[in-house]
């Protein structure tokens, strides 16, 4: 890395944004310029300057990137309580995809409103979501947000307001016939209502009221929704150290394979308590019964985090599902890196089958090290693992983690050494958002 020094002393937001804009002059491809404009727009939004952020987003030529940048502005404005501004920007987002940036932005805005007690306003916001299924999903998110704020009665009331006729026209709804082709049961269109109740039940248990959570779960008439609620409650009982109660809850699950999540959580709870033998026995049974290595992966991760590296590697050898195996390898590699076993960490990363997951693993390790103040080791890891194409993204992640940990000036200096002008600009924009 060479780059050029950044003349920002002190490192103010405006100076860093100016340096980021200056770096775009070296970019010949519009897609690269779009990425920089996205980063600058997001930084301006985080700084509470939505009008400037929208203006910057307007420079983006790719319509999807532009829509996602505008959605970031909405999310930032919503977090800052500027609900009217957020709504005005959200409704102008041009994105007609099924899970569009516009719909996600409106949902995020509504969730923030609900969290602050503006429940009616939240429901008014999601009326702007044209897709009725997505609108119902957003309404469920409103109910869950209210529950997370601690107001369970209002959350229940909000759940009762979830739209349940998204499969039907007004005429078809009278006869419960979807599109005139397929007759559906009367419960099918209650999906998001059941999902909201399941989440509320979990939140009640997380708040320490297991009995209320169980009561809510058992009130869900849908078998699958009830199973998800009970599984979540069992997982919370495990987190509270009550394995026996979790097993009792899991036994109440009636749906076939519906106790899977609960059993994985119980296995992990045994491992957390130091009972590796019991956890291994249960994890093996879960893999044999469900064809899922999640419990074995969780055990391997837990063993590594508790310093039992040899046992962790032995557990890896029993995982038959490649996705679970790769996830466990990534966590173990991170734990190796944290105790200065860089070679072992890279060897473990090298065993991850999917290239993108290998990169994600190194990225997570580098960010962890930088957050812990071990920036030199994080940069060494990035240099050793990455080719030129990946180095910029890794170093950018490292400097942002370093800045979040409180060392902004050093992060700015390192950002200036980036050879790639796009990543240098993205790093500087990200640092600007932190230079408040």
Protein backbone atom coordinates (compact mmCIF):
# COMPACT_ATOMS: atom_id res chain seq x y z
CA UNK A 1 0.00 0.00 0.00
CA UNK A 2 1.30 3.43 -0.93
CA UNK A 3 -1.51 5.86 -1.84
CA UNK A 4 -1.07 9.42 -0.65
CA UNK A 5 -1.22 11.21 2.68
CA UNK A 6 -4.50 12.79 3.72
CA UNK A 7 -4.13 16.45 4.65
CA UNK A 8 -6.84 16.58 7.29
CA UNK A 9 -5.60 17.79 10.64
CA UNK A 10 -7.81 17.72 12.56
CA UNK A 11 -9.78 15.02 10.78
CA UNK A 12 -13.11 16.78 10.36
CA UNK A 13 -16.04 15.28 8.48
CA UNK A 14 -16.00 17.93 5.75
CA UNK A 15 -12.27 17.56 5.15
CA UNK A 16 -12.55 13.78 4.87
CA UNK A 17 -15.55 14.05 2.54
CA UNK A 18 -13.58 16.46 0.38
CA UNK A 19 -10.69 13.99 0.23
CA UNK A 20 -13.12 11.21 -0.70
CA UNK A 21 -14.55 13.30 -3.54
CA UNK A 22 -11.05 14.10 -4.70
CA UNK A 23 -10.25 10.40 -4.98
CA UNK A 24 -13.10 9.92 -7.46
CA UNK A 25 -11.18 11.96 -10.03
CA UNK A 26 -8.93 8.93 -10.56
CA UNK A 27 -11.86 6.60 -11.29
CA UNK A 28 -12.55 5.82 -14.92
CA UNK A 29 -15.50 3.43 -14.51
CA UNK A 30 -18.97 4.70 -13.68
CA UNK A 31 -19.71 1.67 -11.46
CA UNK A 32 -16.75 2.61 -9.27
CA UNK A 33 -17.87 6.23 -9.11
CA UNK A 34 -21.34 5.04 -8.15
CA UNK A 35 -19.90 3.10 -5.21
CA UNK A 36 -18.08 6.19 -3.98
CA UNK A 37 -21.16 8.39 -4.34
CA UNK A 38 -23.07 5.74 -2.36
CA UNK A 39 -20.48 5.85 0.44
CA UNK A 40 -20.46 9.66 0.55
CA UNK A 41 -24.25 9.78 0.52
CA UNK A 42 -24.44 7.28 3.40
CA UNK A 43 -21.88 9.31 5.37
CA UNK A 44 -23.83 12.53 4.89
CA UNK A 45 -26.99 10.76 6.04
CA UNK A 46 -25.24 9.49 9.19
CA UNK A 47 -24.06 13.04 9.85
CA UNK A 48 -27.66 14.25 9.83
CA UNK A 49 -27.45 16.04 6.48
CA UNK A 50 -30.19 14.32 4.44
CA UNK A 51 -30.62 17.04 1.82
CA UNK A 52 -26.93 16.84 0.88
CA UNK A 53 -27.13 13.05 0.99
CA UNK A 54 -30.02 13.00 -1.50
CA UNK A 55 -28.10 15.36 -3.77
CA UNK A 56 -25.08 13.05 -3.66
CA UNK A 57 -27.25 10.00 -4.35
CA UNK A 58 -28.58 11.80 -7.41
CA UNK A 59 -25.11 11.49 -8.98
CA UNK A 60 -25.41 7.68 -9.03
CA UNK A 61 -26.24 6.35 -12.49
CA UNK A 62 -27.05 2.71 -11.69
CA UNK A 63 -30.75 2.73 -10.69
CA UNK A 64 -30.48 -0.10 -8.15
CA UNK A 65 -27.43 1.42 -6.47
CA UNK A 66 -29.22 4.77 -6.39
CA UNK A 67 -32.34 3.24 -4.82
CA UNK A 68 -30.25 1.50 -2.17
CA UNK A 69 -28.40 4.73 -1.40
CA UNK A 70 -31.70 6.55 -0.92
CA UNK A 71 -32.88 3.73 1.33
CA UNK A 72 -29.76 4.22 3.47
CA UNK A 73 -30.66 7.90 3.79
CA UNK A 74 -34.16 6.95 4.93
CA UNK A 75 -32.80 4.52 7.53
CA UNK A 76 -30.41 7.11 8.93
CA UNK A 77 -33.09 9.81 9.07
CA UNK A 78 -35.48 7.40 10.79
CA UNK A 79 -32.89 6.48 13.42
CA UNK A 80 -32.37 10.19 14.04
CA UNK A 81 -36.11 10.77 14.49
CA UNK A 82 -36.57 12.82 11.30
CA UNK A 83 -39.64 10.82 10.31
CA UNK A 84 -41.24 13.34 7.94
CA UNK A 85 -38.01 13.77 6.02
CA UNK A 86 -37.48 10.02 5.90
CA UNK A 87 -40.97 9.42 4.53
CA UNK A 88 -40.64 12.11 1.86
CA UNK A 89 -37.44 10.49 0.61
CA UNK A 90 -38.76 6.94 0.84
CA UNK A 91 -41.86 7.45 -1.29
CA UNK A 92 -39.72 8.88 -4.10
CA UNK A 93 -37.42 5.83 -4.32
CA UNK A 94 -37.72 4.27 -7.77
CA UNK A 95 -37.44 0.52 -7.21
CA UNK A 96 -40.11 -1.96 -8.33
CA UNK A 97 -38.36 -5.19 -7.27
CA UNK A 98 -40.25 -7.67 -5.07
CA UNK A 99 -38.06 -6.86 -2.08
CA UNK A 100 -37.39 -3.34 -3.18
CA UNK A 101 -35.20 -0.80 -1.44
CA UNK A 102 -38.29 1.40 -1.22
CA UNK A 103 -40.33 -1.20 0.68
CA UNK A 104 -37.43 -2.01 3.00
CA UNK A 105 -36.89 1.70 3.69
CA UNK A 106 -40.57 2.24 4.51
CA UNK A 107 -40.55 -0.80 6.79
CA UNK A 108 -37.44 0.44 8.60
CA UNK A 109 -39.03 3.86 9.05
CA UNK A 110 -42.21 2.30 10.44
CA UNK A 111 -40.23 0.12 12.85
CA UNK A 112 -38.41 3.19 14.22
CA UNK A 113 -41.71 5.05 14.61
CA UNK A 114 -43.27 2.12 16.44
CA UNK A 115 -40.28 1.81 18.77
CA UNK A 116 -40.92 5.40 19.86
CA UNK A 117 -44.62 4.84 20.47
CA UNK A 118 -45.89 6.30 17.17
CA UNK A 119 -47.87 3.19 16.27
CA UNK A 120 -50.61 4.85 14.22
CA UNK A 121 -47.98 6.78 12.29
CA UNK A 122 -46.11 3.55 11.61
CA UNK A 123 -49.20 1.90 10.15
CA UNK A 124 -49.83 5.02 8.04
CA UNK A 125 -46.26 4.80 6.74
CA UNK A 126 -46.56 1.24 5.44
CA UNK A 127 -49.71 2.08 3.50
CA UNK A 128 -47.21 3.40 0.93
CA UNK A 129 -45.99 -0.19 0.33
CA UNK A 130 -47.91 -1.27 -2.76
CA UNK A 131 -47.29 -5.01 -2.48
CA UNK A 132 -49.96 -6.22 0.00
CA UNK A 133 -47.90 -9.21 1.14
CA UNK A 134 -44.90 -6.98 1.88
CA UNK A 135 -47.20 -4.48 3.55
CA UNK A 136 -48.45 -7.19 5.91
CA UNK A 137 -44.85 -8.22 6.60
CA UNK A 138 -44.03 -4.62 7.51
CA UNK A 139 -47.09 -4.45 9.77
CA UNK A 140 -45.84 -7.56 11.56
CA UNK A 141 -42.47 -5.84 12.01
CA UNK A 142 -44.31 -2.90 13.60
CA UNK A 143 -45.95 -5.20 16.16
CA UNK A 144 -42.60 -6.83 16.96
CA UNK A 145 -40.94 -3.42 17.34
CA UNK A 146 -43.61 -2.35 19.83
CA UNK A 147 -43.04 -5.58 21.78
CA UNK A 148 -39.29 -4.92 21.88
CA UNK A 149 -40.01 -1.50 23.37
CA UNK A 150 -41.61 -3.33 26.31
CA UNK A 151 -45.27 -2.52 25.60
CA UNK A 152 -46.69 -6.02 25.12
CA UNK A 153 -50.41 -5.05 25.26
CA UNK A 154 -49.92 -2.48 22.50
CA UNK A 155 -47.89 -5.02 20.53
CA UNK A 156 -50.80 -7.46 20.69
CA UNK A 157 -53.17 -4.73 19.54
CA UNK A 158 -50.80 -3.87 16.68
CA UNK A 159 -50.64 -7.52 15.65
CA UNK A 160 -54.43 -7.57 15.40
CA UNK A 161 -54.17 -4.79 12.79
CA UNK A 162 -52.03 -6.83 10.38
CA UNK A 163 -53.60 -7.13 6.94
CA UNK A 164 -54.68 -10.68 6.23
CA UNK A 165 -56.22 -10.53 2.76
CA UNK A 166 -53.12 -10.08 0.61
CA UNK A 167 -53.85 -13.08 -1.61
CA UNK A 168 -57.26 -11.87 -2.66
CA UNK A 169 -59.11 -9.08 -4.42
CA UNK A 170 -61.99 -7.59 -2.44
CA UNK A 171 -64.44 -9.83 -4.32
CA UNK A 172 -62.28 -12.96 -4.07
CA UNK A 173 -61.73 -12.39 -0.36
CA UNK A 174 -65.44 -12.98 0.26
CA UNK A 175 -65.07 -16.53 -1.02
CA UNK A 176 -61.41 -17.11 -0.02
CA UNK A 177 -60.37 -18.02 -3.55
CA UNK A 178 -56.92 -16.87 -4.61
CA UNK A 179 -56.78 -15.41 -8.12
CA UNK A 180 -59.82 -17.50 -9.03
CA UNK A 181 -57.58 -20.56 -9.35
CA UNK A 182 -56.66 -22.10 -6.03
CA UNK A 183 -58.89 -22.39 -3.00
CA UNK A 184 -56.97 -21.72 0.21
CA UNK A 185 -57.77 -22.47 3.80
CA UNK A 186 -59.04 -19.69 6.00
CA UNK A 187 -55.73 -19.62 7.88
CA UNK A 188 -53.29 -19.26 5.02
CA UNK A 189 -53.62 -15.51 4.85
CA UNK A 190 -52.93 -15.11 8.58
CA UNK A 191 -49.24 -15.92 8.08
CA UNK A 192 -47.76 -12.60 9.21
CA UNK A 193 -50.17 -12.40 12.14
CA UNK A 194 -48.91 -15.77 13.36
CA UNK A 195 -45.29 -14.73 12.78
CA UNK A 196 -45.81 -11.57 14.82
CA UNK A 197 -47.33 -13.54 17.70
CA UNK A 198 -44.44 -16.02 17.60
CA UNK A 199 -41.92 -13.19 17.86
CA UNK A 200 -43.89 -11.51 20.65
CA UNK A 201 -43.87 -14.78 22.59
CA UNK A 202 -40.08 -14.98 22.25
CA UNK A 203 -39.71 -11.36 23.39
CA UNK A 204 -41.86 -12.00 26.44
CA UNK A 205 -39.58 -14.88 27.40
CA UNK A 206 -36.48 -12.75 26.78
CA UNK A 207 -37.93 -10.17 29.14
CA UNK A 208 -38.10 -12.83 31.84
CA UNK A 209 -41.80 -13.66 31.62
CA UNK A 210 -41.63 -17.26 30.41
CA UNK A 211 -45.19 -18.05 31.50
CA UNK A 212 -46.62 -15.18 29.45
CA UNK A 213 -44.53 -16.23 26.47
CA UNK A 214 -45.83 -19.78 26.72
CA UNK A 215 -49.39 -18.50 27.01
CA UNK A 216 -48.96 -16.43 23.84
CA UNK A 217 -47.35 -19.34 22.02
CA UNK A 218 -50.15 -21.76 22.91
CA UNK A 219 -52.72 -19.20 21.73
CA UNK A 220 -51.35 -19.39 18.18
CA UNK A 221 -53.75 -21.66 16.26
CA UNK A 222 -51.24 -22.37 13.48
CA UNK A 223 -49.12 -25.49 14.13
CA UNK A 224 -45.96 -24.14 12.46
CA UNK A 225 -46.25 -20.70 14.05
CA UNK A 226 -46.78 -22.24 17.47
CA UNK A 227 -43.74 -24.46 16.96
CA UNK A 228 -41.54 -21.47 16.07
CA UNK A 229 -42.71 -19.62 19.16
CA UNK A 230 -42.06 -22.56 21.49
CA UNK A 231 -38.66 -23.21 19.93
CA UNK A 232 -37.69 -19.59 20.54
CA UNK A 233 -38.85 -19.78 24.15
CA UNK A 234 -36.85 -22.97 24.67
CA UNK A 235 -33.76 -21.24 23.30
CA UNK A 236 -34.28 -18.39 25.77
CA UNK A 237 -34.65 -20.84 28.64
CA UNK A 238 -31.31 -22.31 27.62
CA UNK A 239 -29.78 -18.82 27.61
CA UNK A 240 -31.05 -18.42 31.18
CA UNK A 241 -29.35 -21.70 32.13
CA UNK A 242 -32.52 -23.73 32.59
CA UNK A 243 -31.87 -26.77 30.39
CA UNK A 244 -34.57 -28.94 31.99
CA UNK A 245 -37.25 -26.32 31.39
CA UNK A 246 -36.09 -25.97 27.79
CA UNK A 247 -36.42 -29.72 27.27
CA UNK A 248 -39.94 -29.59 28.69
CA UNK A 249 -40.86 -26.77 26.31
CA UNK A 250 -39.33 -28.60 23.35
CA UNK A 251 -41.45 -31.67 24.13
CA UNK A 252 -44.58 -29.53 23.76
CA UNK A 253 -43.81 -28.84 20.10
CA UNK A 254 -46.23 -30.79 17.97
CA UNK A 255 -44.97 -30.01 14.45
CA UNK A 256 -42.75 -32.59 12.77
CA UNK A 257 -39.14 -31.42 13.06
CA UNK A 258 -40.45 -28.27 14.76
CA UNK A 259 -38.22 -28.87 17.78
CA UNK A 260 -35.05 -28.62 15.68
CA UNK A 261 -34.15 -25.06 16.71
CA UNK A 262 -34.84 -25.84 20.35
CA UNK A 263 -32.68 -28.97 20.35
CA UNK A 264 -29.77 -27.11 18.72
CA UNK A 265 -30.04 -24.45 21.44
CA UNK A 266 -30.14 -27.10 24.17
CA UNK A 267 -27.06 -28.81 22.77
CA UNK A 268 -25.25 -25.46 22.74
CA UNK A 269 -26.41 -24.80 26.29
CA UNK A 270 -24.83 -28.05 27.44
CA UNK A 271 -21.57 -27.03 25.76
CA UNK A 272 -21.69 -23.58 27.36
CA UNK A 273 -22.01 -25.28 30.74
CA UNK A 274 -18.87 -27.31 29.98
CA UNK A 275 -20.68 -30.59 29.29
CA UNK A 276 -18.97 -31.27 25.96
CA UNK A 277 -19.78 -34.98 26.12
CA UNK A 278 -23.51 -34.41 26.56
CA UNK A 279 -23.51 -31.72 23.90
CA UNK A 280 -21.68 -33.99 21.45
CA UNK A 281 -24.10 -36.85 22.00
CA UNK A 282 -27.10 -34.59 21.39
CA UNK A 283 -25.47 -32.86 18.40
CA UNK A 284 -24.77 -36.22 16.76
CA UNK A 285 -28.40 -37.23 17.27
CA UNK A 286 -29.59 -33.95 15.74
CA UNK A 287 -27.44 -34.46 12.64
CA UNK A 288 -28.65 -38.04 12.27
CA UNK A 289 -32.32 -37.11 12.76
CA UNK A 290 -32.54 -33.82 10.91
CA UNK A 291 -29.62 -34.05 8.50
CA UNK A 292 -28.37 -30.79 10.00
CA UNK A 293 -24.90 -30.14 11.38
CA UNK A 294 -25.80 -26.85 13.10
CA UNK A 295 -25.50 -28.31 16.60
CA UNK A 296 -22.10 -29.87 15.87
CA UNK A 297 -20.95 -26.57 14.36
CA UNK A 298 -22.15 -24.69 17.45
CA UNK A 299 -20.30 -27.16 19.67
CA UNK A 300 -17.07 -26.76 17.69
CA UNK A 301 -17.40 -22.99 17.91
CA UNK A 302 -18.09 -23.12 21.64
CA UNK A 303 -15.10 -25.41 22.24
CA UNK A 304 -12.82 -23.03 20.34
CA UNK A 305 -14.10 -20.00 22.24
CA UNK A 306 -13.45 -21.83 25.51
CA UNK A 307 -9.89 -22.72 24.46
CA UNK A 308 -10.50 -26.41 23.74
CA UNK A 309 -8.94 -26.25 20.27
CA UNK A 310 -8.08 -29.92 19.84
CA UNK A 311 -11.60 -30.96 20.81
CA UNK A 312 -12.97 -28.33 18.45
CA UNK A 313 -11.02 -29.69 15.49
CA UNK A 314 -12.16 -33.22 16.38
CA UNK A 315 -15.78 -32.07 16.37
CA UNK A 316 -15.29 -30.52 12.93
CA UNK A 317 -14.51 -33.96 11.53
CA UNK A 318 -18.03 -35.12 12.40
CA UNK A 319 -19.90 -32.36 10.57
CA UNK A 320 -21.43 -33.72 7.37
CA UNK A 321 -23.14 -30.54 6.12
CA UNK A 322 -20.69 -28.33 4.22
CA UNK A 323 -22.44 -25.03 5.07
CA UNK A 324 -22.27 -25.78 8.79
CA UNK A 325 -18.69 -27.00 8.46
CA UNK A 326 -17.59 -23.80 6.73
CA UNK A 327 -19.28 -21.63 9.35
CA UNK A 328 -17.57 -23.49 12.18
CA UNK A 329 -14.19 -23.28 10.46
CA UNK A 330 -14.60 -19.51 10.15
CA UNK A 331 -15.30 -19.13 13.89
CA UNK A 332 -12.40 -21.38 14.87
CA UNK A 333 -10.08 -19.45 12.57
CA UNK A 334 -11.13 -16.24 14.31
CA UNK A 335 -10.35 -17.73 17.71
CA UNK A 336 -6.92 -18.88 16.49
CA UNK A 337 -6.19 -15.36 15.27
CA UNK A 338 -7.17 -13.86 18.61
CA UNK A 339 -4.49 -15.91 20.42
CA UNK A 340 -1.76 -15.04 17.88
CA UNK A 341 -1.90 -18.36 16.02
CA UNK A 342 -2.03 -16.67 12.62
CA UNK A 343 -0.73 -19.66 10.67
CA UNK A 344 -3.34 -21.96 12.19
CA UNK A 345 -6.00 -19.33 11.46
CA UNK A 346 -5.04 -19.06 7.79
CA UNK A 347 -4.79 -22.84 7.48
CA UNK A 348 -8.32 -23.14 8.85
CA UNK A 349 -9.58 -20.42 6.50
CA UNK A 350 -7.95 -22.25 3.60
CA UNK A 351 -10.14 -25.28 4.31
CA UNK A 352 -13.36 -23.32 3.80
CA UNK A 353 -14.82 -24.64 0.57
CA UNK A 354 -16.57 -21.51 -0.68
CA UNK A 355 -14.28 -18.70 -1.85
CA UNK A 356 -16.70 -15.95 -0.82
CA UNK A 357 -17.01 -17.48 2.63
CA UNK A 358 -13.21 -17.66 2.89
CA UNK A 359 -13.06 -13.94 2.21
CA UNK A 360 -15.86 -13.24 4.70
CA UNK A 361 -13.98 -15.24 7.33
CA UNK A 362 -10.79 -13.23 6.85
CA UNK A 363 -12.81 -10.02 6.87
CA UNK A 364 -14.42 -10.95 10.19
CA UNK A 365 -11.05 -11.87 11.69
CA UNK A 366 -9.45 -8.63 10.54
CA UNK A 367 -12.30 -6.54 11.94
CA UNK A 368 -12.15 -8.41 15.26
CA UNK A 369 -8.42 -7.80 15.58
CA UNK A 370 -8.73 -4.13 14.66
CA UNK A 371 -11.56 -3.64 17.15
CA UNK A 372 -9.33 -5.12 19.86
CA UNK A 373 -6.59 -2.63 18.96
CA UNK A 374 -4.44 -5.17 17.08
CA UNK A 375 -4.43 -3.20 13.84
CA UNK A 376 -0.94 -4.22 12.71
CA UNK A 377 -1.88 -7.89 12.94
CA UNK A 378 -5.14 -7.22 11.12
CA UNK A 379 -3.27 -5.52 8.27
CA UNK A 380 -0.68 -8.30 8.13
CA UNK A 381 -3.48 -10.83 7.86
CA UNK A 382 -5.12 -8.86 5.06
CA UNK A 383 -1.83 -8.59 3.18
CA UNK A 384 -1.01 -12.28 3.60
CA UNK A 385 -4.43 -13.54 2.58
CA UNK A 386 -5.65 -11.13 -0.05
CA UNK A 387 -4.70 -10.45 -3.61
CA UNK A 388 -4.80 -6.92 -4.97
CA UNK A 389 -8.51 -7.20 -5.75
CA UNK A 390 -9.42 -8.07 -2.14
CA UNK A 391 -6.87 -6.04 -0.21
CA UNK A 392 -8.70 -2.74 -0.63
CA UNK A 393 -11.93 -4.04 0.85
CA UNK A 394 -10.13 -5.72 3.75
CA UNK A 395 -8.05 -2.67 4.64
CA UNK A 396 -11.13 -0.45 4.39
CA UNK A 397 -12.92 -2.67 6.90
CA UNK A 398 -9.88 -2.58 9.19
CA UNK A 399 -9.59 1.22 9.24
CA UNK A 400 -13.31 1.65 9.91
CA UNK A 401 -13.14 -0.84 12.80
CA UNK A 402 -10.09 0.97 14.15
CA UNK A 403 -11.90 4.31 14.00
CA UNK A 404 -14.96 2.89 15.76
CA UNK A 405 -12.60 1.66 18.48
CA UNK A 406 -11.51 5.28 19.01
CA UNK A 407 -8.33 5.71 16.94
CA UNK A 408 -9.60 7.96 14.14
CA UNK A 409 -6.33 9.73 13.32
CA UNK A 410 -4.36 6.53 12.73
CA UNK A 411 -7.27 5.13 10.71
CA UNK A 412 -7.19 8.20 8.45
CA UNK A 413 -3.45 7.81 7.95
CA UNK A 414 -3.85 4.16 6.97
CA UNK A 415 -6.75 4.97 4.64
CA UNK A 416 -4.47 7.35 2.79
CA UNK A 417 -2.07 4.50 2.01
CA UNK A 418 -4.66 2.59 -0.03
CA UNK A 419 -3.56 2.29 -3.66
CA UNK A 420 -7.04 1.69 -5.03
CA UNK A 421 -8.73 5.12 -5.35
CA UNK A 422 -12.23 3.64 -5.03
CA UNK A 423 -11.52 1.97 -1.70
CA UNK A 424 -9.53 4.98 -0.51
CA UNK A 425 -12.58 7.15 -1.19
CA UNK A 426 -14.97 4.66 0.43
CA UNK A 427 -12.75 4.42 3.51
CA UNK A 428 -12.52 8.20 3.83
CA UNK A 429 -16.27 8.59 3.46
CA UNK A 430 -16.85 5.98 6.15
CA UNK A 431 -14.38 7.74 8.44
CA UNK A 432 -16.14 11.05 7.80
CA UNK A 433 -19.33 9.57 9.24
CA UNK A 434 -17.39 8.78 12.43
CA UNK A 435 -15.70 12.20 12.68
CA UNK A 436 -18.54 13.93 14.45
